[in-house]
Structures are given as C-alpha cells and as structure tokens.
Amino acid sequence: MFKFILQMLMMISFGGILYIIARALPRTEEEEKGSSETSPTPRIVVYLEQADERLLVVLEKALRRIRVVLLKLDNAVSQKLRRFKQGGNPEGILGEENRKEEK
C-alpha cells in the first residue's frame, strides 16, 4: 500500500511538472516569433486557454482552503502547547493516566 501511494505521488508530481513546462512553452515561442496576429487561432488552443483559466481559479480556491485548514491546525496546536506550559496535564499527553504508575 505504501508503494502504491508513493508511486501515485510520483506520477502526480510528474504530471505537475509537465503542466508547468507546457504552460511556459507557448510564452517562449511567442517571444521568439514576435507578435504575429495574422494566423487564425485553432479551436483547441482557445479551449486549452479557457481550461487553464478555470484550473487557475480552482487551484487558487483550493490553496486558500488549505491555508485556512493549516491556520486552524496551527491555532489548535498553539493552544495545546499553551495549556501544557501553564499547568501541565496530569493525565498525560493523550489524556490517559500514566501507565507506569498503574503497574
């Protein structure tokens, strides 16, 4: 199972790298050619540009939500650490009594 997750992570990373490279290629070609707007734009290029815009919006929303979740997690961890500093927790970190004392 661990190998599968690792392979999936590698493939997703590889796909992300390819996507970033594919986005950068048209920019470099346009700079080399100059601004020649005389050729008609194929339909697929227009569709890909629209898909890129939508993907950008979705990624931005996802990153904002992930940021909110991480900030909430950070806040919860900070509160736990503050409680440990102030008075300690007689039941232990996990809320259980110390098992060494029971034995």
Protein backbone atom coordinates (compact mmCIF):
# COMPACT_ATOMS: atom_id res chain seq x y z
CA MET A 1 0.00 0.00 0.00
CA PHE A 2 2.87 2.32 0.85
CA LYS A 3 4.49 1.64 -2.54
CA PHE A 4 1.22 2.45 -4.30
CA ILE A 5 0.86 5.77 -2.51
CA LEU A 6 4.49 6.60 -3.29
CA GLN A 7 4.01 5.75 -6.97
CA MET A 8 0.84 7.83 -7.18
CA LEU A 9 2.62 10.77 -5.57
CA MET A 10 5.46 10.47 -8.09
CA MET A 11 3.05 10.35 -11.04
CA ILE A 12 1.10 13.36 -9.80
CA SER A 13 4.36 15.26 -9.33
CA PHE A 14 5.49 14.29 -12.82
CA GLY A 15 2.16 15.47 -14.24
CA GLY A 16 2.51 18.78 -12.41
CA ILE A 17 5.99 19.31 -13.82
CA LEU A 18 4.75 18.57 -17.34
CA TYR A 19 1.86 21.01 -16.88
CA ILE A 20 4.19 23.78 -15.75
CA ILE A 21 6.53 23.16 -18.70
CA ALA A 22 3.60 23.10 -21.14
CA ARG A 23 2.38 26.45 -19.83
CA ALA A 24 5.82 28.01 -20.27
CA LEU A 25 6.40 26.78 -23.83
CA PRO A 26 3.84 29.00 -25.61
CA ARG A 27 5.28 32.08 -23.92
CA THR A 28 8.78 31.37 -25.20
CA GLU A 29 7.53 30.69 -28.75
CA GLU A 30 5.58 33.95 -28.83
CA GLU A 31 8.62 35.92 -27.75
CA GLU A 32 10.75 34.33 -30.48
CA LYS A 33 8.21 34.86 -33.26
CA GLY A 34 7.21 38.34 -32.25
CA SER A 35 3.62 39.45 -32.33
CA SER A 36 2.17 37.94 -35.48
CA GLU A 37 -1.59 38.04 -35.04
CA THR A 38 -2.30 37.22 -38.69
CA SER A 39 -2.62 33.46 -38.25
CA PRO A 40 -6.00 32.17 -37.05
CA THR A 41 -6.05 30.60 -33.61
CA PRO A 42 -7.04 26.92 -33.67
CA ARG A 43 -10.04 25.90 -31.61
CA ILE A 44 -8.01 23.64 -29.37
CA VAL A 45 -5.75 26.49 -28.26
CA VAL A 46 -8.77 28.56 -27.26
CA TYR A 47 -10.19 25.59 -25.34
CA LEU A 48 -6.87 24.99 -23.58
CA GLU A 49 -6.62 28.65 -22.58
CA GLN A 50 -10.13 28.54 -21.11
CA ALA A 51 -9.33 25.32 -19.28
CA ASP A 52 -6.15 26.94 -17.95
CA GLU A 53 -8.15 29.91 -16.63
CA ARG A 54 -10.64 27.60 -14.90
CA LEU A 55 -7.86 25.48 -13.43
CA LEU A 56 -6.18 28.61 -12.11
CA VAL A 57 -9.39 29.64 -10.32
CA VAL A 58 -9.88 26.15 -8.85
CA LEU A 59 -6.26 25.95 -7.69
CA GLU A 60 -6.50 29.37 -6.08
CA LYS A 61 -9.63 28.38 -4.15
CA ALA A 62 -8.08 25.07 -3.11
CA LEU A 63 -4.93 26.77 -1.87
CA ARG A 64 -6.96 29.27 0.14
CA ARG A 65 -8.96 26.46 1.76
CA ILE A 66 -5.79 24.53 2.55
CA ARG A 67 -4.33 27.67 4.08
CA VAL A 68 -7.39 28.10 6.31
CA VAL A 69 -7.19 24.47 7.45
CA LEU A 70 -3.48 24.82 8.21
CA LEU A 71 -4.07 28.02 10.18
CA LYS A 72 -6.78 26.30 12.23
CA LEU A 73 -4.45 23.37 12.89
CA ASP A 74 -1.68 25.74 13.91
CA ASN A 75 -4.06 27.54 16.27
CA ALA A 76 -5.13 24.26 17.88
CA VAL A 77 -1.53 23.14 18.37
CA SER A 78 -0.60 26.52 19.87
CA GLN A 79 -3.48 26.31 22.35
CA LYS A 80 -2.42 22.78 23.40
CA LEU A 81 1.16 23.93 23.92
CA ARG A 82 -0.03 26.91 25.98
CA ARG A 83 -2.04 24.59 28.22
CA PHE A 84 0.97 22.33 28.74
CA LYS A 85 3.15 25.30 29.66
CA GLN A 86 0.66 26.84 32.10
CA GLY A 87 -0.30 23.99 34.35
CA GLY A 88 0.69 20.79 32.75
CA ASN A 89 -1.66 17.93 32.19
CA PRO A 90 -1.80 15.33 34.99
CA GLU A 91 -3.43 12.78 32.68
CA GLY A 92 -0.62 12.82 30.13
CA ILE A 93 -0.44 13.98 26.56
CA LEU A 94 -3.06 11.63 25.17
CA GLY A 95 -5.48 12.10 28.04
CA GLU A 96 -4.70 8.72 29.59
CA GLU A 97 -3.33 8.15 33.04
CA ASN A 98 0.31 7.27 33.20
CA ARG A 99 0.52 3.54 32.68
CA LYS A 100 3.79 3.26 34.60
CA GLU A 101 2.03 4.28 37.82
CA GLU A 102 -0.64 1.60 37.34
CA LYS A 103 1.89 -1.24 37.09
